[in-house]
């Protein structure tokens, strides 16, 4: 497919129009640091140690990496980030990024917070979206046991029922308030119960349009077949498939576990294989758009170009309500803001939560920007160009 530039991601004046000189300089510093994997590794280790030891580094972390990648420490403090995005036609997904809850009280609290994000999203003038992880409302070990097909004790069965009820409350409120909910994919060895719950919610709430979205991690080599299979199942059962497409977030962990336990590595053999399947999945969704809602979560410029071309080839308007583009807050603004400038539907994931509790998320973002080929370098190049342009 020849790539025609319907959207020019090199329009840096549009990409960074929302950022002050001070904000751009801070971003320049952060991405300059992320060029060096050893520095990121040392920095994250020191941060984790300092916070666990109670050393006074919170202010430093909050004013640097947290400020770049998170909207705030509470839902209320995300208003500045949300208003900035909405001013440029970009929606915000408030993503409560507290991880590692292990108690029923903690799971209930997370569910209540997700419900608050849905209520807040329902008031948006741009796009109404929310997202959550099922491990935020239920125990990882319990999901792993169910995935493995092991028999549950009575209390474990009751705990699983509570997980389902929490998810049901979230999805029911989203449907009532016309908010779209993205249920994140997680590690493959807990995915079966996540699949079962998500599919059940889609079957119940996606009768007329995609309200609940299943996440396909395309770095898994079985995922393209899975997309096609779930689509056929959705058509048979009479509901719209919500398809959130991403490349994936747990590659190193997945490969290490597969090697350690001696089973087939679920991850694609090469990055190109992942890219090919991601693009093929986008095409499949566009070709079946009357039966699928598409959310393409990608920081890959070529994939975003291709999707705009596919939409044009199928005579779809940029703002067709069945197609959304998504990026993370603090990353790939040249993609997000230029797509929004072209009238495409764009959503930014805006993580929030107490600083200490969001450290796992921030560490993943730092690692991602270090490991994804060209990511931090591309960000740094664009910010540098914009700073030079403003001086000229």
Protein backbone atom coordinates (compact mmCIF):
# COMPACT_ATOMS: atom_id res chain seq x y z
CA UNK A 1 0.00 0.00 0.00
CA UNK A 2 1.45 3.35 -1.06
CA UNK A 3 1.47 5.78 1.82
CA UNK A 4 -0.11 9.11 0.93
CA UNK A 5 0.13 11.71 3.66
CA UNK A 6 -3.43 12.61 4.55
CA UNK A 7 -2.00 13.65 7.92
CA UNK A 8 1.49 15.07 8.26
CA UNK A 9 2.98 13.95 11.57
CA UNK A 10 5.93 16.28 11.01
CA UNK A 11 3.83 19.40 11.61
CA UNK A 12 5.55 20.12 14.89
CA UNK A 13 3.88 23.50 15.36
CA UNK A 14 0.56 21.63 15.62
CA UNK A 15 2.06 18.77 17.65
CA UNK A 16 3.35 21.04 20.42
CA UNK A 17 0.97 23.97 20.19
CA UNK A 18 -0.38 23.19 23.67
CA UNK A 19 3.07 23.17 25.31
CA UNK A 20 4.84 26.18 26.78
CA UNK A 21 8.57 26.67 26.29
CA UNK A 22 9.10 25.55 29.88
CA UNK A 23 7.09 22.35 29.36
CA UNK A 24 8.98 21.58 26.15
CA UNK A 25 12.35 22.05 27.85
CA UNK A 26 11.33 19.66 30.61
CA UNK A 27 10.25 17.10 28.00
CA UNK A 28 13.56 17.60 26.20
CA UNK A 29 15.43 16.79 29.40
CA UNK A 30 13.34 13.66 30.13
CA UNK A 31 13.70 12.17 26.66
CA UNK A 32 17.40 13.05 26.55
CA UNK A 33 17.80 10.93 29.68
CA UNK A 34 15.78 8.06 28.22
CA UNK A 35 18.26 7.65 25.37
CA UNK A 36 20.55 5.88 27.81
CA UNK A 37 19.22 2.46 28.98
CA UNK A 38 21.76 2.18 31.79
CA UNK A 39 20.75 5.58 33.13
CA UNK A 40 17.05 4.65 33.05
CA UNK A 41 17.84 1.38 34.85
CA UNK A 42 19.86 3.08 37.57
CA UNK A 43 17.32 5.88 37.90
CA UNK A 44 14.32 3.57 38.31
CA UNK A 45 16.16 1.41 40.85
CA UNK A 46 17.15 4.44 42.90
CA UNK A 47 13.61 5.83 42.70
CA UNK A 48 12.05 2.60 43.97
CA UNK A 49 14.59 2.34 46.77
CA UNK A 50 14.28 5.99 47.80
CA UNK A 51 10.47 5.91 47.93
CA UNK A 52 10.37 2.62 49.86
CA UNK A 53 12.96 3.98 52.29
CA UNK A 54 11.02 7.22 52.76
CA UNK A 55 13.74 9.41 51.31
CA UNK A 56 12.63 12.89 50.16
CA UNK A 57 12.53 12.32 46.39
CA UNK A 58 8.78 12.60 45.82
CA UNK A 59 8.97 16.22 44.71
CA UNK A 60 11.68 15.45 42.16
CA UNK A 61 9.82 12.49 40.67
CA UNK A 62 6.54 14.40 40.62
CA UNK A 63 8.02 17.39 38.82
CA UNK A 64 9.77 15.30 36.16
CA UNK A 65 8.66 11.88 34.90
CA UNK A 66 5.31 11.91 36.75
CA UNK A 67 4.46 15.32 35.32
CA UNK A 68 5.22 14.09 31.79
CA UNK A 69 3.30 10.81 31.84
CA UNK A 70 0.53 11.26 34.45
CA UNK A 71 -2.38 13.65 34.72
CA UNK A 72 -2.28 14.04 38.49
CA UNK A 73 -2.51 12.24 41.81
CA UNK A 74 -6.32 12.33 41.90
CA UNK A 75 -9.15 12.49 39.39
CA UNK A 76 -9.77 16.12 40.31
CA UNK A 77 -6.17 17.15 39.64
CA UNK A 78 -6.39 15.75 36.09
CA UNK A 79 -8.61 18.66 35.03
CA UNK A 80 -5.74 20.71 33.56
CA UNK A 81 -4.59 17.81 31.38
CA UNK A 82 -8.16 17.06 30.33
CA UNK A 83 -8.96 20.69 29.48
CA UNK A 84 -5.78 21.03 27.44
CA UNK A 85 -6.59 17.92 25.40
CA UNK A 86 -10.25 18.83 24.91
CA UNK A 87 -9.26 22.30 23.68
CA UNK A 88 -7.55 20.59 20.73
CA UNK A 89 -10.35 18.07 20.11
CA UNK A 90 -8.69 15.14 21.90
CA UNK A 91 -10.55 12.97 24.38
CA UNK A 92 -9.12 11.80 27.70
CA UNK A 93 -9.35 8.34 29.24
CA UNK A 94 -8.81 8.65 32.96
CA UNK A 95 -6.84 5.53 33.84
CA UNK A 96 -6.54 4.86 37.57
CA UNK A 97 -3.02 3.41 37.52
CA UNK A 98 -2.77 1.97 41.01
CA UNK A 99 -1.49 -1.60 40.76
CA UNK A 100 -0.85 -4.51 43.06
CA UNK A 101 -4.00 -4.44 45.19
CA UNK A 102 -4.39 -7.73 47.07
CA UNK A 103 -7.35 -7.26 49.42
CA UNK A 104 -11.10 -7.28 48.86
CA UNK A 105 -11.24 -3.81 50.39
CA UNK A 106 -8.64 -2.62 47.88
CA UNK A 107 -10.51 -4.20 44.95
CA UNK A 108 -13.76 -2.54 46.04
CA UNK A 109 -11.99 0.82 46.33
CA UNK A 110 -10.53 0.49 42.83
CA UNK A 111 -13.93 -0.43 41.40
CA UNK A 112 -15.45 2.65 43.04
CA UNK A 113 -12.69 4.81 41.53
CA UNK A 114 -13.34 3.37 38.05
CA UNK A 115 -17.03 4.19 38.50
CA UNK A 116 -15.99 7.78 39.30
CA UNK A 117 -13.97 7.96 36.09
CA UNK A 118 -17.06 6.85 34.14
CA UNK A 119 -19.20 9.51 35.78
CA UNK A 120 -16.53 12.11 34.97
CA UNK A 121 -16.18 10.89 31.38
CA UNK A 122 -19.94 11.12 30.86
CA UNK A 123 -19.63 14.91 31.25
CA UNK A 124 -17.01 15.27 28.50
CA UNK A 125 -17.81 17.50 25.54
CA UNK A 126 -15.38 15.59 23.30
CA UNK A 127 -15.35 11.79 23.74
CA UNK A 128 -16.62 9.62 26.57
CA UNK A 129 -14.18 6.82 27.42
CA UNK A 130 -12.94 4.89 30.46
CA UNK A 131 -10.53 2.00 30.94
CA UNK A 132 -9.48 -0.48 33.61
CA UNK A 133 -7.61 -3.70 34.30
CA UNK A 134 -9.48 -6.65 35.77
CA UNK A 135 -6.48 -7.25 38.07
CA UNK A 136 -7.41 -3.92 39.61
CA UNK A 137 -10.67 -5.41 40.85
CA UNK A 138 -9.58 -9.01 41.49
CA UNK A 139 -6.62 -11.10 42.59
CA UNK A 140 -3.97 -11.97 40.01
CA UNK A 141 -3.31 -15.38 41.60
CA UNK A 142 -7.01 -16.27 41.51
CA UNK A 143 -7.22 -15.39 37.81
CA UNK A 144 -4.10 -17.50 37.16
CA UNK A 145 -5.69 -20.47 38.95
CA UNK A 146 -8.87 -20.16 36.89
CA UNK A 147 -6.86 -19.83 33.68
CA UNK A 148 -4.99 -23.04 34.54
CA UNK A 149 -8.29 -24.88 35.04
CA UNK A 150 -7.66 -25.66 38.68
CA UNK A 151 -10.54 -26.39 41.05
CA UNK A 152 -11.45 -23.44 43.24
CA UNK A 153 -12.16 -23.56 46.95
CA UNK A 154 -15.51 -22.17 48.11
CA UNK A 155 -14.04 -18.84 49.17
CA UNK A 156 -12.16 -18.56 45.86
CA UNK A 157 -15.40 -19.13 43.94
CA UNK A 158 -17.02 -16.40 46.02
CA UNK A 159 -14.07 -14.08 45.34
CA UNK A 160 -14.43 -14.71 41.60
CA UNK A 161 -18.15 -13.94 41.80
CA UNK A 162 -17.25 -10.61 43.41
CA UNK A 163 -14.86 -9.83 40.55
CA UNK A 164 -17.64 -10.43 38.04
CA UNK A 165 -20.05 -8.26 40.05
CA UNK A 166 -17.52 -5.40 40.16
CA UNK A 167 -17.00 -5.58 36.40
CA UNK A 168 -20.77 -5.80 35.88
CA UNK A 169 -21.32 -2.62 37.91
CA UNK A 170 -18.69 -0.80 35.86
CA UNK A 171 -20.09 -1.92 32.51
CA UNK A 172 -23.71 -1.31 33.52
CA UNK A 173 -22.97 2.28 34.53
CA UNK A 174 -20.98 2.85 31.35
CA UNK A 175 -23.88 1.63 29.25
CA UNK A 176 -26.34 3.78 31.21
CA UNK A 177 -24.20 6.92 30.82
CA UNK A 178 -23.12 6.19 27.23
CA UNK A 179 -19.44 5.86 28.10
CA UNK A 180 -17.20 3.45 26.19
CA UNK A 181 -15.12 1.11 28.37
CA UNK A 182 -11.81 -0.46 27.33
CA UNK A 183 -10.95 -3.59 29.32
CA UNK A 184 -7.19 -4.04 29.15
CA UNK A 185 -5.48 -7.31 28.24
CA UNK A 186 -2.89 -8.63 30.67
CA UNK A 187 -0.46 -11.56 30.96
CA UNK A 188 -1.42 -14.57 28.84
CA UNK A 189 -1.46 -16.90 31.85
CA UNK A 190 -4.40 -15.03 33.40
CA UNK A 191 -6.14 -14.10 30.16
CA UNK A 192 -8.84 -16.79 29.92
CA UNK A 193 -11.04 -15.49 32.79
CA UNK A 194 -10.46 -11.93 31.52
CA UNK A 195 -11.64 -13.09 28.09
CA UNK A 196 -14.68 -14.84 29.53
CA UNK A 197 -15.75 -11.81 31.57
CA UNK A 198 -15.11 -9.32 28.75
CA UNK A 199 -16.95 -11.39 26.13
CA UNK A 200 -19.90 -11.79 28.50
CA UNK A 201 -20.02 -8.01 29.01
CA UNK A 202 -19.86 -7.36 25.25
CA UNK A 203 -22.63 -9.87 24.64
CA UNK A 204 -24.80 -8.03 27.16
CA UNK A 205 -24.04 -4.37 26.40
CA UNK A 206 -22.90 -4.24 22.75
CA UNK A 207 -26.24 -4.95 21.11
CA UNK A 208 -26.45 -1.71 19.13
CA UNK A 209 -22.87 -0.39 19.20
CA UNK A 210 -19.51 -1.16 20.79
CA UNK A 211 -19.67 -0.01 24.41
CA UNK A 212 -17.31 -2.62 25.90
CA UNK A 213 -13.98 -3.27 24.16
CA UNK A 214 -11.81 -6.40 24.27
CA UNK A 215 -8.06 -5.76 23.97
CA UNK A 216 -6.07 -7.69 21.36
CA UNK A 217 -2.30 -7.70 22.03
CA UNK A 218 -0.99 -8.20 18.52
CA UNK A 219 2.51 -9.21 19.67
CA UNK A 220 0.90 -12.60 20.42
CA UNK A 221 1.07 -14.74 17.29
CA UNK A 222 -2.41 -16.21 17.87
CA UNK A 223 -4.15 -12.84 18.13
CA UNK A 224 -5.10 -12.22 14.49
CA UNK A 225 -6.90 -15.57 14.39
CA UNK A 226 -8.46 -14.70 17.74
CA UNK A 227 -9.82 -11.43 16.35
CA UNK A 228 -11.43 -13.19 13.41
CA UNK A 229 -12.84 -15.94 15.63
CA UNK A 230 -14.34 -13.50 18.16
CA UNK A 231 -15.82 -11.46 15.34
CA UNK A 232 -17.59 -14.52 13.93
CA UNK A 233 -18.80 -15.40 17.42
CA UNK A 234 -20.12 -11.86 17.93
CA UNK A 235 -22.02 -11.95 14.64
CA UNK A 236 -23.49 -15.33 15.56
CA UNK A 237 -24.51 -14.14 19.03
CA UNK A 238 -25.91 -10.84 17.77
CA UNK A 239 -23.62 -8.19 19.24
CA UNK A 240 -21.00 -5.70 18.05
CA UNK A 241 -17.38 -6.65 18.74
CA UNK A 242 -15.38 -3.89 20.44
CA UNK A 243 -11.78 -4.34 19.29
CA UNK A 244 -9.00 -2.40 20.96
CA UNK A 245 -5.80 -3.20 19.05
CA UNK A 246 -2.39 -2.71 20.67
CA UNK A 247 1.01 -4.22 20.12
CA UNK A 248 1.41 -5.32 23.76
CA UNK A 249 3.04 -4.56 27.08
CA UNK A 250 4.49 -7.71 28.64
CA UNK A 251 6.88 -9.11 26.03
CA UNK A 252 9.96 -9.71 28.17
CA UNK A 253 7.94 -11.24 31.00
CA UNK A 254 6.05 -13.51 28.59
CA UNK A 255 9.20 -14.80 26.89
CA UNK A 256 11.01 -15.40 30.16
CA UNK A 257 8.11 -17.38 31.61
CA UNK A 258 7.66 -19.46 28.44
CA UNK A 259 11.35 -20.39 28.45
CA UNK A 260 11.40 -21.10 32.18
CA UNK A 261 8.30 -23.33 32.08
CA UNK A 262 9.01 -24.96 28.73
CA UNK A 263 5.93 -24.01 26.72
CA UNK A 264 5.59 -22.36 23.31
CA UNK A 265 6.54 -18.69 23.41
CA UNK A 266 3.28 -16.81 22.73
CA UNK A 267 5.14 -13.77 21.39
CA UNK A 268 5.71 -13.05 17.70
CA UNK A 269 9.19 -14.02 16.44
CA UNK A 270 9.97 -10.52 15.14
CA UNK A 271 8.76 -6.95 15.48
CA UNK A 272 7.88 -7.01 11.79
CA UNK A 273 5.52 -9.94 12.45
CA UNK A 274 3.79 -7.87 15.11
CA UNK A 275 3.57 -4.85 12.82
CA UNK A 276 2.16 -6.97 9.98
CA UNK A 277 -0.51 -8.50 12.21
CA UNK A 278 -1.42 -5.14 13.73
CA UNK A 279 -1.92 -3.65 10.27
CA UNK A 280 -3.81 -6.74 9.10
CA UNK A 281 -6.07 -6.53 12.14
CA UNK A 282 -6.84 -2.87 11.41
CA UNK A 283 -7.73 -3.77 7.85
CA UNK A 284 -9.94 -6.64 8.99
CA UNK A 285 -11.81 -4.35 11.37
CA UNK A 286 -12.33 -1.66 8.72
CA UNK A 287 -13.62 -4.28 6.27
CA UNK A 288 -16.17 -5.42 8.87
CA UNK A 289 -16.91 -2.05 10.43
CA UNK A 290 -20.67 -2.61 10.53
CA UNK A 291 -19.97 -5.40 13.03
CA UNK A 292 -16.84 -4.11 14.80
CA UNK A 293 -15.90 -0.97 16.70
CA UNK A 294 -12.18 -0.20 16.28
CA UNK A 295 -9.86 1.46 18.78
CA UNK A 296 -6.32 1.49 17.37
CA UNK A 297 -3.85 2.11 20.18
CA UNK A 298 -0.49 2.75 18.56
CA UNK A 299 2.56 5.00 18.71
CA UNK A 300 3.70 3.66 15.33
CA UNK A 301 3.50 6.37 12.66
CA UNK A 302 3.19 3.96 9.74
CA UNK A 303 0.29 2.07 11.35
CA UNK A 304 -1.56 5.32 11.95
CA UNK A 305 -0.90 6.44 8.36
CA UNK A 306 -2.19 3.13 7.07
CA UNK A 307 -5.36 3.37 9.07
CA UNK A 308 -6.14 6.84 7.68
CA UNK A 309 -5.62 5.42 4.19
CA UNK A 310 -7.88 2.46 4.89
CA UNK A 311 -10.60 4.80 6.09
CA UNK A 312 -10.28 6.86 2.90
CA UNK A 313 -10.34 3.75 0.70
CA UNK A 314 -13.59 2.66 2.35
CA UNK A 315 -15.11 6.15 2.01
CA UNK A 316 -15.20 6.71 5.77
CA UNK A 317 -15.20 10.20 7.22
CA UNK A 318 -12.27 10.93 9.57
CA UNK A 319 -14.67 11.39 12.50
CA UNK A 320 -16.61 8.14 11.91
CA UNK A 321 -17.78 7.15 15.38
CA UNK A 322 -16.76 3.52 14.85
CA UNK A 323 -13.01 4.29 14.56
CA UNK A 324 -10.73 5.77 17.24
CA UNK A 325 -7.00 6.37 17.46
CA UNK A 326 -5.28 6.21 20.86
CA UNK A 327 -1.94 7.14 22.41
CA UNK A 328 -0.62 7.50 25.94
CA UNK A 329 -0.43 10.86 27.67
CA UNK A 330 3.07 12.28 27.36
CA UNK A 331 3.93 10.24 24.27
CA UNK A 332 3.56 10.73 20.51
CA UNK A 333 1.89 14.13 20.60
CA UNK A 334 2.96 14.58 16.98
CA UNK A 335 0.61 11.71 16.13
CA UNK A 336 -2.26 12.63 18.45
CA UNK A 337 -2.46 16.35 17.80
CA UNK A 338 -2.00 16.08 14.04
CA UNK A 339 -4.67 13.38 13.79
CA UNK A 340 -7.05 15.52 15.82
CA UNK A 341 -6.19 18.49 13.57
CA UNK A 342 -7.30 16.29 10.65
CA UNK A 343 -10.65 15.71 12.44
CA UNK A 344 -9.95 12.08 13.36
CA UNK A 345 -11.21 10.72 16.68
CA UNK A 346 -8.24 10.71 19.05
CA UNK A 347 -8.07 9.59 22.68
CA UNK A 348 -5.22 9.96 25.14
CA UNK A 349 -4.83 7.58 28.09
CA UNK A 350 -4.34 9.88 31.09
CA UNK A 351 -3.03 7.80 34.02
CA UNK A 352 -3.44 9.13 37.53
CA UNK A 353 -3.04 8.03 41.13
CA UNK A 354 -0.89 8.59 44.22
CA UNK A 355 2.71 9.03 43.11
CA UNK A 356 4.12 6.04 45.00
CA UNK A 357 1.38 3.75 43.70
CA UNK A 358 1.96 4.76 40.06
CA UNK A 359 5.68 3.93 40.11
CA UNK A 360 5.16 0.53 38.34
CA UNK A 361 3.38 2.36 35.53
CA UNK A 362 6.07 5.02 35.28
CA UNK A 363 8.81 2.40 35.21
CA UNK A 364 7.08 0.66 32.29
CA UNK A 365 6.87 3.96 30.41
CA UNK A 366 10.56 4.64 31.01
CA UNK A 367 11.47 1.12 29.89
CA UNK A 368 9.22 1.38 26.85
CA UNK A 369 10.78 4.62 25.72
CA UNK A 370 14.20 3.07 26.15
CA UNK A 371 13.46 -0.25 24.45
CA UNK A 372 11.08 0.70 21.63
CA UNK A 373 13.27 1.34 18.64
CA UNK A 374 13.55 5.04 18.00
CA UNK A 375 10.79 6.08 20.44
CA UNK A 376 12.74 8.34 22.76
CA UNK A 377 14.97 9.43 19.89
CA UNK A 378 11.99 10.39 17.76
CA UNK A 379 10.38 12.30 20.63
CA UNK A 380 13.65 14.10 21.36
CA UNK A 381 14.23 15.03 17.71
CA UNK A 382 10.78 16.56 17.37
CA UNK A 383 10.99 18.51 20.63
CA UNK A 384 14.44 19.82 19.65
CA UNK A 385 13.13 20.95 16.27
CA UNK A 386 10.21 22.76 17.90
CA UNK A 387 12.45 24.54 20.41
CA UNK A 388 14.70 25.68 17.56
CA UNK A 389 11.69 26.78 15.51
CA UNK A 390 10.42 28.92 18.38
CA UNK A 391 13.80 30.60 18.73
CA UNK A 392 14.02 31.46 15.05
